[in-house]
């Protein structure tokens, strides 16, 4: 599996190079992003791939000094459950 950052999204590819998931965001000014969608193909669920996509967004926010508003229900759940994400959460 490979996660690639593309324009306003992280795309998840399987070993054959097929896209099997994504997490998208919208820019909200220069210092904030809004995670608005997370999806993994049903055939690949149960392997923590969606969690990895959100984690990639968190790492991007840390690297680029951004805050995140998690509007997507899955991302919102991840932020509620993971205290280690609080440094990038827009409060």
PDB file of N, CA and C in Angstrom:
ATOM      1  N   UNK A   1       0.834  -1.186   0.000  1.00  0.00           N
ATOM      2  CA  UNK A   1       0.000   0.000   0.000  1.00  0.00           C
ATOM      3  C   UNK A   1       0.878   1.249   0.000  1.00  0.00           C
ATOM      4  N   UNK A   2       0.381   2.260  -0.663  1.00  0.00           N
ATOM      5  CA  UNK A   2       1.116   3.518  -0.735  1.00  0.00           C
ATOM      6  C   UNK A   2       0.134   4.673  -0.655  1.00  0.00           C
ATOM      7  N   UNK A   3       0.498   5.682   0.130  1.00  0.00           N
ATOM      8  CA  UNK A   3      -0.290   6.907   0.222  1.00  0.00           C
ATOM      9  C   UNK A   3       0.496   8.008  -0.477  1.00  0.00           C
ATOM     10  N   UNK A   4      -0.173   8.700  -1.409  1.00  0.00           N
ATOM     11  CA  UNK A   4       0.457   9.789  -2.138  1.00  0.00           C
ATOM     12  C   UNK A   4      -0.327  11.075  -1.899  1.00  0.00           C
ATOM     13  N   UNK A   5       0.405  12.149  -1.659  1.00  0.00           N
ATOM     14  CA  UNK A   5      -0.241  13.458  -1.552  1.00  0.00           C
ATOM     15  C   UNK A   5      -0.429  14.012  -2.957  1.00  0.00           C
ATOM     16  N   UNK A   6      -1.669  14.335  -3.259  1.00  0.00           N
ATOM     17  CA  UNK A   6      -2.017  14.934  -4.532  1.00  0.00           C
ATOM     18  C   UNK A   6      -2.722  16.250  -4.219  1.00  0.00           C
ATOM     19  N   UNK A   7      -3.244  16.917  -5.199  1.00  0.00           N
ATOM     20  CA  UNK A   7      -3.850  18.221  -4.959  1.00  0.00           C
ATOM     21  C   UNK A   7      -5.033  18.104  -4.007  1.00  0.00           C
ATOM     22  N   UNK A   8      -4.876  18.636  -2.810  1.00  0.00           N
ATOM     23  CA  UNK A   8      -5.899  18.677  -1.764  1.00  0.00           C
ATOM     24  C   UNK A   8      -6.447  17.301  -1.382  1.00  0.00           C
ATOM     25  N   UNK A   9      -5.588  16.277  -1.471  1.00  0.00           N
ATOM     26  CA  UNK A   9      -6.018  14.960  -1.023  1.00  0.00           C
ATOM     27  C   UNK A   9      -4.820  14.042  -0.844  1.00  0.00           C
ATOM     28  N   UNK A  10      -5.047  13.014  -0.044  1.00  0.00           N
ATOM     29  CA  UNK A  10      -4.132  11.895   0.035  1.00  0.00           C
ATOM     30  C   UNK A  10      -4.854  10.726  -0.610  1.00  0.00           C
ATOM     31  N   UNK A  11      -4.216  10.084  -1.573  1.00  0.00           N
ATOM     32  CA  UNK A  11      -4.792   8.933  -2.252  1.00  0.00           C
ATOM     33  C   UNK A  11      -4.062   7.676  -1.808  1.00  0.00           C
ATOM     34  N   UNK A  12      -4.827   6.611  -1.597  1.00  0.00           N
ATOM     35  CA  UNK A  12      -4.287   5.323  -1.172  1.00  0.00           C
ATOM     36  C   UNK A  12      -4.326   4.361  -2.350  1.00  0.00           C
ATOM     37  N   UNK A  13      -3.182   3.751  -2.646  1.00  0.00           N
ATOM     38  CA  UNK A  13      -3.071   2.822  -3.761  1.00  0.00           C
ATOM     39  C   UNK A  13      -2.659   1.444  -3.247  1.00  0.00           C
ATOM     40  N   UNK A  14      -3.239   0.416  -3.849  1.00  0.00           N
ATOM     41  CA  UNK A  14      -2.829  -0.944  -3.489  1.00  0.00           C
ATOM     42  C   UNK A  14      -1.535  -1.288  -4.228  1.00  0.00           C
ATOM     43  N   UNK A  15      -1.025  -2.495  -4.014  1.00  0.00           N
ATOM     44  CA  UNK A  15       0.254  -2.885  -4.603  1.00  0.00           C
ATOM     45  C   UNK A  15       0.215  -2.972  -6.125  1.00  0.00           C
ATOM     46  N   UNK A  16      -0.984  -3.106  -6.705  1.00  0.00           N
ATOM     47  CA  UNK A  16      -1.131  -3.134  -8.163  1.00  0.00           C
ATOM     48  C   UNK A  16      -1.235  -1.730  -8.764  1.00  0.00           C
ATOM     49  N   UNK A  17      -1.251  -0.713  -7.892  1.00  0.00           N
ATOM     50  CA  UNK A  17      -1.349   0.663  -8.373  1.00  0.00           C
ATOM     51  C   UNK A  17      -2.750   1.177  -8.547  1.00  0.00           C
ATOM     52  N   UNK A  18      -3.748   0.418  -8.063  1.00  0.00           N
ATOM     53  CA  UNK A  18      -5.141   0.855  -8.157  1.00  0.00           C
ATOM     54  C   UNK A  18      -5.487   1.737  -6.962  1.00  0.00           C
ATOM     55  N   UNK A  19      -6.191   2.818  -7.227  1.00  0.00           N
ATOM     56  CA  UNK A  19      -6.625   3.681  -6.120  1.00  0.00           C
ATOM     57  C   UNK A  19      -7.739   2.984  -5.350  1.00  0.00           C
ATOM     58  N   UNK A  20      -7.562   2.891  -4.032  1.00  0.00           N
ATOM     59  CA  UNK A  20      -8.551   2.204  -3.202  1.00  0.00           C
ATOM     60  C   UNK A  20      -9.086   3.080  -2.074  1.00  0.00           C
ATOM     61  N   UNK A  21      -8.609   4.303  -1.968  1.00  0.00           N
ATOM     62  CA  UNK A  21      -9.120   5.185  -0.925  1.00  0.00           C
ATOM     63  C   UNK A  21      -8.576   6.586  -1.065  1.00  0.00           C
ATOM     64  N   UNK A  22      -9.178   7.493  -0.286  1.00  0.00           N
ATOM     65  CA  UNK A  22      -8.717   8.878  -0.296  1.00  0.00           C
ATOM     66  C   UNK A  22      -9.188   9.613   0.943  1.00  0.00           C
ATOM     67  N   UNK A  23      -8.466  10.657   1.258  1.00  0.00           N
ATOM     68  CA  UNK A  23      -8.898  11.634   2.252  1.00  0.00           C
ATOM     69  C   UNK A  23      -8.706  12.987   1.595  1.00  0.00           C
ATOM     70  N   UNK A  24      -9.760  13.805   1.583  1.00  0.00           N
ATOM     71  CA  UNK A  24      -9.680  15.104   0.928  1.00  0.00           C
ATOM     72  C   UNK A  24      -9.797  16.225   1.948  1.00  0.00           C
ATOM     73  N   UNK A  25      -9.274  17.369   1.582  1.00  0.00           N
ATOM     74  CA  UNK A  25      -9.396  18.547   2.432  1.00  0.00           C
ATOM     75  C   UNK A  25      -9.594  19.785   1.583  1.00  0.00           C
ATOM     76  N   UNK A  26     -10.124  20.793   2.226  1.00  0.00           N
ATOM     77  CA  UNK A  26     -10.268  22.119   1.632  1.00  0.00           C
ATOM     78  C   UNK A  26      -9.382  23.071   2.414  1.00  0.00           C
ATOM     79  N   UNK A  27      -8.761  23.995   1.718  1.00  0.00           N
ATOM     80  CA  UNK A  27      -7.973  25.019   2.396  1.00  0.00           C
ATOM     81  C   UNK A  27      -8.921  26.065   2.962  1.00  0.00           C
ATOM     82  N   UNK A  28      -8.637  26.474   4.179  1.00  0.00           N
ATOM     83  CA  UNK A  28      -9.424  27.522   4.834  1.00  0.00           C
ATOM     84  C   UNK A  28      -8.452  28.621   5.263  1.00  0.00           C
ATOM     85  N   UNK A  29      -8.061  29.413   4.319  1.00  0.00           N
ATOM     86  CA  UNK A  29      -7.051  30.421   4.586  1.00  0.00           C
ATOM     87  C   UNK A  29      -5.661  29.816   4.480  1.00  0.00           C
ATOM     88  N   UNK A  30      -4.685  30.532   5.006  1.00  0.00           N
ATOM     89  CA  UNK A  30      -3.292  30.096   4.901  1.00  0.00           C
ATOM     90  C   UNK A  30      -2.853  29.196   6.047  1.00  0.00           C
ATOM     91  N   UNK A  31      -3.662  29.104   7.091  1.00  0.00           N
ATOM     92  CA  UNK A  31      -3.212  28.400   8.294  1.00  0.00           C
ATOM     93  C   UNK A  31      -4.125  27.262   8.712  1.00  0.00           C
ATOM     94  N   UNK A  32      -5.083  26.876   7.864  1.00  0.00           N
ATOM     95  CA  UNK A  32      -6.048  25.877   8.281  1.00  0.00           C
ATOM     96  C   UNK A  32      -6.527  25.049   7.087  1.00  0.00           C
ATOM     97  N   UNK A  33      -6.796  23.753   7.378  1.00  0.00           N
ATOM     98  CA  UNK A  33      -7.434  22.893   6.391  1.00  0.00           C
ATOM     99  C   UNK A  33      -8.650  22.234   7.036  1.00  0.00           C
ATOM    100  N   UNK A  34      -9.602  21.876   6.195  1.00  0.00           N
ATOM    101  CA  UNK A  34     -10.824  21.201   6.644  1.00  0.00           C
ATOM    102  C   UNK A  34     -10.837  19.819   6.010  1.00  0.00           C
ATOM    103  N   UNK A  35     -10.733  18.774   6.840  1.00  0.00           N
ATOM    104  CA  UNK A  35     -10.863  17.413   6.310  1.00  0.00           C
ATOM    105  C   UNK A  35     -12.348  17.182   6.077  1.00  0.00           C
ATOM    106  N   UNK A  36     -12.712  16.983   4.801  1.00  0.00           N
ATOM    107  CA  UNK A  36     -14.131  16.905   4.462  1.00  0.00           C
ATOM    108  C   UNK A  36     -14.582  15.537   3.946  1.00  0.00           C
ATOM    109  N   UNK A  37     -13.639  14.608   3.751  1.00  0.00           N
ATOM    110  CA  UNK A  37     -14.041  13.314   3.194  1.00  0.00           C
ATOM    111  C   UNK A  37     -12.935  12.287   3.418  1.00  0.00           C
ATOM    112  N   UNK A  38     -13.323  11.115   3.887  1.00  0.00           N
ATOM    113  CA  UNK A  38     -12.410   9.976   3.994  1.00  0.00           C
ATOM    114  C   UNK A  38     -13.151   8.757   3.467  1.00  0.00           C
ATOM    115  N   UNK A  39     -12.486   8.005   2.583  1.00  0.00           N
ATOM    116  CA  UNK A  39     -13.127   6.829   1.990  1.00  0.00           C
ATOM    117  C   UNK A  39     -12.082   5.754   1.725  1.00  0.00           C
ATOM    118  N   UNK A  40     -12.465   4.501   2.018  1.00  0.00           N
ATOM    119  CA  UNK A  40     -11.680   3.334   1.630  1.00  0.00           C
ATOM    120  C   UNK A  40     -12.639   2.337   0.991  1.00  0.00           C
ATOM    121  N   UNK A  41     -12.239   1.775  -0.140  1.00  0.00           N
ATOM    122  CA  UNK A  41     -13.043   0.776  -0.833  1.00  0.00           C
ATOM    123  C   UNK A  41     -13.459  -0.313   0.161  1.00  0.00           C
ATOM    124  N   UNK A  42     -14.736  -0.702   0.165  1.00  0.00           N
ATOM    125  CA  UNK A  42     -15.216  -1.707   1.122  1.00  0.00           C
ATOM    126  C   UNK A  42     -14.392  -2.999   1.134  1.00  0.00           C
ATOM    127  N   UNK A  43     -13.827  -3.384   0.016  1.00  0.00           N
ATOM    128  CA  UNK A  43     -13.020  -4.610  -0.042  1.00  0.00           C
ATOM    129  C   UNK A  43     -11.734  -4.501   0.771  1.00  0.00           C
ATOM    130  N   UNK A  44     -11.331  -3.276   1.123  1.00  0.00           N
ATOM    131  CA  UNK A  44     -10.077  -3.058   1.842  1.00  0.00           C
ATOM    132  C   UNK A  44     -10.290  -2.547   3.267  1.00  0.00           C
ATOM    133  N   UNK A  45     -11.508  -2.502   3.714  1.00  0.00           N
ATOM    134  CA  UNK A  45     -11.785  -2.000   5.064  1.00  0.00           C
ATOM    135  C   UNK A  45     -11.350  -3.021   6.109  1.00  0.00           C
ATOM    136  N   UNK A  46     -11.129  -2.531   7.314  1.00  0.00           N
ATOM    137  CA  UNK A  46     -10.712  -3.394   8.400  1.00  0.00           C
ATOM    138  C   UNK A  46      -9.201  -3.535   8.526  1.00  0.00           C
ATOM    139  N   UNK A  47      -8.451  -2.727   7.775  1.00  0.00           N
ATOM    140  CA  UNK A  47      -6.990  -2.796   7.805  1.00  0.00           C
ATOM    141  C   UNK A  47      -6.359  -1.483   8.268  1.00  0.00           C
ATOM    142  N   UNK A  48      -7.149  -0.612   8.855  1.00  0.00           N
ATOM    143  CA  UNK A  48      -6.680   0.687   9.373  1.00  0.00           C
ATOM    144  C   UNK A  48      -6.207   1.651   8.285  1.00  0.00           C
ATOM    145  N   UNK A  49      -6.640   1.448   7.059  1.00  0.00           N
ATOM    146  CA  UNK A  49      -6.209   2.348   5.990  1.00  0.00           C
ATOM    147  C   UNK A  49      -6.799   3.745   6.134  1.00  0.00           C
ATOM    148  N   UNK A  50      -8.051   3.844   6.560  1.00  0.00           N
ATOM    149  CA  UNK A  50      -8.649   5.165   6.765  1.00  0.00           C
ATOM    150  C   UNK A  50      -7.908   5.912   7.867  1.00  0.00           C
ATOM    151  N   UNK A  51      -7.529   5.195   8.926  1.00  0.00           N
ATOM    152  CA  UNK A  51      -6.755   5.807  10.002  1.00  0.00           C
ATOM    153  C   UNK A  51      -5.419   6.323   9.470  1.00  0.00           C
ATOM    154  N   UNK A  52      -4.796   5.565   8.572  1.00  0.00           N
ATOM    155  CA  UNK A  52      -3.527   5.986   7.989  1.00  0.00           C
ATOM    156  C   UNK A  52      -3.690   7.233   7.131  1.00  0.00           C
ATOM    157  N   UNK A  53      -4.808   7.340   6.441  1.00  0.00           N
ATOM    158  CA  UNK A  53      -5.065   8.535   5.632  1.00  0.00           C
ATOM    159  C   UNK A  53      -5.214   9.771   6.513  1.00  0.00           C
ATOM    160  N   UNK A  54      -5.959   9.648   7.605  1.00  0.00           N
ATOM    161  CA  UNK A  54      -6.115  10.782   8.524  1.00  0.00           C
ATOM    162  C   UNK A  54      -4.768  11.123   9.158  1.00  0.00           C
ATOM    163  N   UNK A  55      -4.002  10.103   9.519  1.00  0.00           N
ATOM    164  CA  UNK A  55      -2.674  10.338  10.099  1.00  0.00           C
ATOM    165  C   UNK A  55      -1.779  11.093   9.120  1.00  0.00           C
ATOM    166  N   UNK A  56      -1.899  10.800   7.826  1.00  0.00           N
ATOM    167  CA  UNK A  56      -1.125  11.531   6.817  1.00  0.00           C
ATOM    168  C   UNK A  56      -1.526  13.004   6.809  1.00  0.00           C
ATOM    169  N   UNK A  57      -2.820  13.274   6.983  1.00  0.00           N
ATOM    170  CA  UNK A  57      -3.277  14.663   7.068  1.00  0.00           C
ATOM    171  C   UNK A  57      -2.734  15.367   8.291  1.00  0.00           C
ATOM    172  N   UNK A  58      -2.672  14.662   9.398  1.00  0.00           N
ATOM    173  CA  UNK A  58      -2.119  15.235  10.630  1.00  0.00           C
ATOM    174  C   UNK A  58      -0.635  15.556  10.442  1.00  0.00           C
ATOM    175  N   UNK A  59       0.094  14.649   9.816  1.00  0.00           N
ATOM    176  CA  UNK A  59       1.518  14.894   9.570  1.00  0.00           C
ATOM    177  C   UNK A  59       1.724  16.084   8.632  1.00  0.00           C
ATOM    178  N   UNK A  60       0.864  16.201   7.633  1.00  0.00           N
ATOM    179  CA  UNK A  60       0.941  17.363   6.735  1.00  0.00           C
ATOM    180  C   UNK A  60       0.722  18.648   7.522  1.00  0.00           C
ATOM    181  N   UNK A  61      -0.277  18.638   8.393  1.00  0.00           N
ATOM    182  CA  UNK A  61      -0.570  19.826   9.188  1.00  0.00           C
ATOM    183  C   UNK A  61       0.626  20.196  10.069  1.00  0.00           C
ATOM    184  N   UNK A  62       1.233  19.203  10.672  1.00  0.00           N
ATOM    185  CA  UNK A  62       2.415  19.490  11.507  1.00  0.00           C
ATOM    186  C   UNK A  62       3.554  20.044  10.660  1.00  0.00           C
ATOM    187  N   UNK A  63       3.800  19.420   9.534  1.00  0.00           N
ATOM    188  CA  UNK A  63       4.904  19.826   8.653  1.00  0.00           C
ATOM    189  C   UNK A  63       4.696  21.245   8.119  1.00  0.00           C
ATOM    190  N   UNK A  64       3.435  21.565   7.773  1.00  0.00           N
ATOM    191  CA  UNK A  64       3.142  22.853   7.150  1.00  0.00           C
ATOM    192  C   UNK A  64       2.608  23.893   8.140  1.00  0.00           C
ATOM    193  N   UNK A  65       2.638  23.557   9.441  1.00  0.00           N
ATOM    194  CA  UNK A  65       2.192  24.466  10.502  1.00  0.00           C
ATOM    195  C   UNK A  65       0.742  24.915  10.294  1.00  0.00           C
ATOM    196  N   UNK A  66      -0.127  23.912  10.099  1.00  0.00           N
ATOM    197  CA  UNK A  66      -1.546  24.158   9.871  1.00  0.00           C
ATOM    198  C   UNK A  66      -2.380  23.614  11.024  1.00  0.00           C
ATOM    199  N   UNK A  67      -3.584  24.118  11.150  1.00  0.00           N
ATOM    200  CA  UNK A  67      -4.581  23.556  12.061  1.00  0.00           C
ATOM    201  C   UNK A  67      -5.627  22.852  11.204  1.00  0.00           C
ATOM    202  N   UNK A  68      -6.306  21.879  11.816  1.00  0.00           N
ATOM    203  CA  UNK A  68      -7.296  21.078  11.103  1.00  0.00           C
ATOM    204  C   UNK A  68      -8.668  21.219  11.740  1.00  0.00           C
ATOM    205  N   UNK A  69      -9.677  21.373  10.888  1.00  0.00           N
ATOM    206  CA  UNK A  69     -11.070  21.233  11.295  1.00  0.00           C
ATOM    207  C   UNK A  69     -11.539  19.906  10.698  1.00  0.00           C
ATOM    208  N   UNK A  70     -11.822  18.905  11.522  1.00  0.00           N
ATOM    209  CA  UNK A  70     -12.258  17.611  10.989  1.00  0.00           C
ATOM    210  C   UNK A  70     -13.777  17.565  10.823  1.00  0.00           C
ATOM    211  N   UNK A  71     -14.268  17.913   9.648  1.00  0.00           N
ATOM    212  CA  UNK A  71     -15.712  17.873   9.394  1.00  0.00           C
ATOM    213  C   UNK A  71     -16.201  16.491   8.997  1.00  0.00           C
ATOM    214  N   UNK A  72     -15.387  15.740   8.310  1.00  0.00           N
ATOM    215  CA  UNK A  72     -15.736  14.373   7.922  1.00  0.00           C
ATOM    216  C   UNK A  72     -16.006  13.556   9.190  1.00  0.00           C
ATOM    217  N   UNK A  73     -17.097  12.811   9.251  1.00  0.00           N
ATOM    218  CA  UNK A  73     -17.412  12.041  10.461  1.00  0.00           C
ATOM    219  C   UNK A  73     -16.299  11.102  10.909  1.00  0.00           C
ATOM    220  N   UNK A  74     -15.614  10.460   9.971  1.00  0.00           N
ATOM    221  CA  UNK A  74     -14.541   9.555  10.367  1.00  0.00           C
ATOM    222  C   UNK A  74     -13.375  10.330  10.971  1.00  0.00           C
ATOM    223  N   UNK A  75     -12.971  11.423  10.331  1.00  0.00           N
ATOM    224  CA  UNK A  75     -11.872  12.235  10.860  1.00  0.00           C
ATOM    225  C   UNK A  75     -12.251  12.821  12.218  1.00  0.00           C
ATOM    226  N   UNK A  76     -13.494  13.238  12.362  1.00  0.00           N
ATOM    227  CA  UNK A  76     -13.960  13.782  13.637  1.00  0.00           C
ATOM    228  C   UNK A  76     -13.813  12.737  14.742  1.00  0.00           C
ATOM    229  N   UNK A  77     -14.163  11.487  14.437  1.00  0.00           N
ATOM    230  CA  UNK A  77     -14.023  10.392  15.405  1.00  0.00           C
ATOM    231  C   UNK A  77     -12.552  10.174  15.749  1.00  0.00           C
ATOM    232  N   UNK A  78     -11.697  10.197  14.755  1.00  0.00           N
ATOM    233  CA  UNK A  78     -10.266  10.003  14.993  1.00  0.00           C
ATOM    234  C   UNK A  78      -9.708  11.088  15.914  1.00  0.00           C
ATOM    235  N   UNK A  79     -10.100  12.324  15.687  1.00  0.00           N
ATOM    236  CA  UNK A  79      -9.618  13.419  16.526  1.00  0.00           C
ATOM    237  C   UNK A  79     -10.170  13.309  17.944  1.00  0.00           C
ATOM    238  N   UNK A  80     -11.392  12.825  18.087  1.00  0.00           N
ATOM    239  CA  UNK A  80     -11.987  12.656  19.421  1.00  0.00           C
ATOM    240  C   UNK A  80     -11.288  11.545  20.197  1.00  0.00           C
ATOM    241  N   UNK A  81     -10.814  10.524  19.497  1.00  0.00           N
ATOM    242  CA  UNK A  81     -10.225   9.360  20.151  1.00  0.00           C
ATOM    243  C   UNK A  81      -8.717   9.453  20.350  1.00  0.00           C
ATOM    244  N   UNK A  82      -8.033  10.323  19.620  1.00  0.00           N
ATOM    245  CA  UNK A  82      -6.566  10.352  19.650  1.00  0.00           C
ATOM    246  C   UNK A  82      -6.061  11.672  20.210  1.00  0.00           C
ATOM    247  N   UNK A  83      -5.657  11.618  21.453  1.00  0.00           N
ATOM    248  CA  UNK A  83      -5.168  12.833  22.108  1.00  0.00           C
ATOM    249  C   UNK A  83      -3.911  13.371  21.432  1.00  0.00           C
ATOM    250  N   UNK A  84      -3.161  12.510  20.760  1.00  0.00           N
ATOM    251  CA  UNK A  84      -1.932  12.955  20.104  1.00  0.00           C
ATOM    252  C   UNK A  84      -2.198  13.853  18.896  1.00  0.00           C
ATOM    253  N   UNK A  85      -3.452  13.987  18.480  1.00  0.00           N
ATOM    254  CA  UNK A  85      -3.803  14.865  17.367  1.00  0.00           C
ATOM    255  C   UNK A  85      -4.205  16.264  17.828  1.00  0.00           C
ATOM    256  N   UNK A  86      -4.292  16.485  19.120  1.00  0.00           N
ATOM    257  CA  UNK A  86      -4.818  17.740  19.634  1.00  0.00           C
ATOM    258  C   UNK A  86      -3.955  18.948  19.277  1.00  0.00           C
ATOM    259  N   UNK A  87      -2.668  18.730  19.003  1.00  0.00           N
ATOM    260  CA  UNK A  87      -1.796  19.859  18.665  1.00  0.00           C
ATOM    261  C   UNK A  87      -2.153  20.512  17.338  1.00  0.00           C
ATOM    262  N   UNK A  88      -2.833  19.771  16.458  1.00  0.00           N
ATOM    263  CA  UNK A  88      -3.187  20.351  15.163  1.00  0.00           C
ATOM    264  C   UNK A  88      -4.691  20.623  15.039  1.00  0.00           C
ATOM    265  N   UNK A  89      -5.457  20.285  16.065  1.00  0.00           N
ATOM    266  CA  UNK A  89      -6.901  20.511  16.045  1.00  0.00           C
ATOM    267  C   UNK A  89      -7.203  21.993  16.263  1.00  0.00           C
ATOM    268  N   UNK A  90      -8.007  22.552  15.364  1.00  0.00           N
ATOM    269  CA  UNK A  90      -8.466  23.930  15.577  1.00  0.00           C
ATOM    270  C   UNK A  90      -9.550  23.883  16.638  1.00  0.00           C
ATOM    271  N   UNK A  91      -9.300  24.588  17.726  1.00  0.00           N
ATOM    272  CA  UNK A  91     -10.247  24.577  18.838  1.00  0.00           C
ATOM    273  C   UNK A  91     -11.184  25.736  18.784  1.00  0.00           C
TER     274      UNK A  91
END
